[in-house]
């Protein structure tokens, strides 16, 4: 998966976004507050720009982070199109973007 050695993190019982809310055992964030923390980090470090974030880590049009996610096995490519994502995202993509094709295959199998 990742080549970086990441530290082991321990939940503290307090939300890590900075709101000071108490959270359940094993949780780092109150519901939805992980998104708040990501948005704050993006604002502080990258002027709220996903492009600056990607560039800051060496990614961009010639070196897409999605390709690395696929090559490292943390994402997959959907074989019927260029979509790449986590397994759950591929399931959602398949249901939304390829529903008609799946229905046709199912009808064809019943003939």
Protein backbone atom coordinates (compact mmCIF):
# COMPACT_ATOMS: atom_id res chain seq x y z
CA UNK A 1 0.00 0.00 0.00
CA UNK A 2 1.78 3.18 1.14
CA UNK A 3 5.55 3.31 1.25
CA UNK A 4 5.56 5.81 4.10
CA UNK A 5 5.97 4.62 7.64
CA UNK A 6 2.97 6.13 9.40
CA UNK A 7 2.76 6.53 13.15
CA UNK A 8 0.20 4.63 15.16
CA UNK A 9 -2.50 7.03 16.32
CA UNK A 10 -4.57 6.72 19.47
CA UNK A 11 -8.00 8.31 19.86
CA UNK A 12 -8.10 10.65 22.83
CA UNK A 13 -11.86 10.80 23.48
CA UNK A 14 -11.94 14.38 22.16
CA UNK A 15 -12.67 15.37 18.55
CA UNK A 16 -9.48 16.08 16.61
CA UNK A 17 -11.04 18.91 14.56
CA UNK A 18 -10.56 21.24 17.51
CA UNK A 19 -14.20 21.60 18.59
CA UNK A 20 -13.47 19.86 21.94
CA UNK A 21 -16.53 17.60 21.69
CA UNK A 22 -16.29 14.27 23.43
CA UNK A 23 -16.30 11.29 21.06
CA UNK A 24 -16.84 7.58 21.55
CA UNK A 25 -14.11 5.05 22.17
CA UNK A 26 -12.08 4.42 19.05
CA UNK A 27 -13.21 7.63 17.31
CA UNK A 28 -11.02 10.54 16.32
CA UNK A 29 -13.85 12.83 15.21
CA UNK A 30 -17.46 13.71 15.98
CA UNK A 31 -19.69 12.79 13.00
CA UNK A 32 -18.74 14.92 9.98
CA UNK A 33 -15.91 16.69 11.75
CA UNK A 34 -13.24 14.84 9.77
CA UNK A 35 -14.46 16.90 6.80
CA UNK A 36 -14.19 20.08 8.88
CA UNK A 37 -10.61 19.20 9.79
CA UNK A 38 -9.71 18.44 6.16
CA UNK A 39 -11.21 21.75 5.01
CA UNK A 40 -9.32 23.67 7.69
CA UNK A 41 -6.03 21.98 6.78
CA UNK A 42 -6.60 22.70 3.09
CA UNK A 43 -7.35 26.36 3.93
CA UNK A 44 -4.34 26.84 6.18
CA UNK A 45 -1.74 24.96 4.18
CA UNK A 46 -2.94 25.25 0.55
CA UNK A 47 -5.14 28.38 0.31
CA UNK A 48 -8.21 26.10 0.05
CA UNK A 49 -6.96 24.78 -3.28
CA UNK A 50 -6.95 21.08 -4.06
CA UNK A 51 -4.69 21.86 -7.05
CA UNK A 52 -2.10 23.42 -4.70
CA UNK A 53 -2.35 20.39 -2.41
CA UNK A 54 -1.72 18.00 -5.29
CA UNK A 55 1.11 20.11 -6.68
CA UNK A 56 2.68 20.35 -3.23
CA UNK A 57 2.93 16.57 -3.16
CA UNK A 58 4.23 16.22 -6.70
CA UNK A 59 0.96 15.34 -8.45
CA UNK A 60 -0.76 16.95 -11.40
CA UNK A 61 -1.83 16.28 -14.98
CA UNK A 62 1.39 14.45 -15.91
CA UNK A 63 1.54 12.50 -12.64
CA UNK A 64 -2.00 11.82 -11.34
CA UNK A 65 -2.47 10.74 -7.74
CA UNK A 66 -5.31 8.45 -8.87
CA UNK A 67 -2.83 6.43 -10.96
CA UNK A 68 -0.65 5.97 -7.90
CA UNK A 69 -3.63 4.89 -5.81
CA UNK A 70 -4.39 2.21 -8.44
CA UNK A 71 -0.75 1.12 -8.76
CA UNK A 72 -0.43 0.78 -4.98
CA UNK A 73 -3.61 -1.28 -4.77
CA UNK A 74 -5.61 1.10 -2.59
CA UNK A 75 -7.92 1.94 -5.52
CA UNK A 76 -9.06 -0.11 -8.49
CA UNK A 77 -9.86 0.73 -12.10
CA UNK A 78 -13.33 -0.11 -13.35
CA UNK A 79 -12.79 -2.26 -16.45
CA UNK A 80 -15.70 -0.85 -18.51
CA UNK A 81 -14.47 2.77 -18.44
CA UNK A 82 -11.70 5.03 -17.15
CA UNK A 83 -13.21 5.35 -13.64
CA UNK A 84 -10.90 4.63 -10.71
CA UNK A 85 -11.77 4.59 -7.03
CA UNK A 86 -12.10 2.65 -3.81
CA UNK A 87 -14.14 -0.57 -4.08
CA UNK A 88 -17.25 1.06 -2.55
CA UNK A 89 -16.94 3.99 -4.97
CA UNK A 90 -16.72 1.59 -7.90
CA UNK A 91 -19.89 -0.14 -6.70
CA UNK A 92 -21.70 3.23 -6.58
CA UNK A 93 -20.27 4.25 -9.96
CA UNK A 94 -21.41 0.99 -11.52
CA UNK A 95 -24.96 1.41 -10.20
CA UNK A 96 -25.21 5.03 -11.42
CA UNK A 97 -23.17 5.18 -14.62
CA UNK A 98 -23.61 1.66 -15.94
CA UNK A 99 -27.09 0.74 -14.71
CA UNK A 100 -28.54 0.51 -18.23
CA UNK A 101 -25.76 -1.80 -19.44
CA UNK A 102 -26.14 -4.03 -16.39
CA UNK A 103 -29.91 -4.23 -17.01
CA UNK A 104 -29.33 -5.20 -20.65
CA UNK A 105 -26.88 -7.94 -19.60
CA UNK A 106 -29.42 -9.28 -17.11
CA UNK A 107 -32.20 -9.29 -19.72
CA UNK A 108 -29.89 -10.94 -22.28
CA UNK A 109 -29.03 -13.71 -19.83
CA UNK A 110 -32.71 -14.53 -19.37
CA UNK A 111 -33.34 -15.07 -23.08
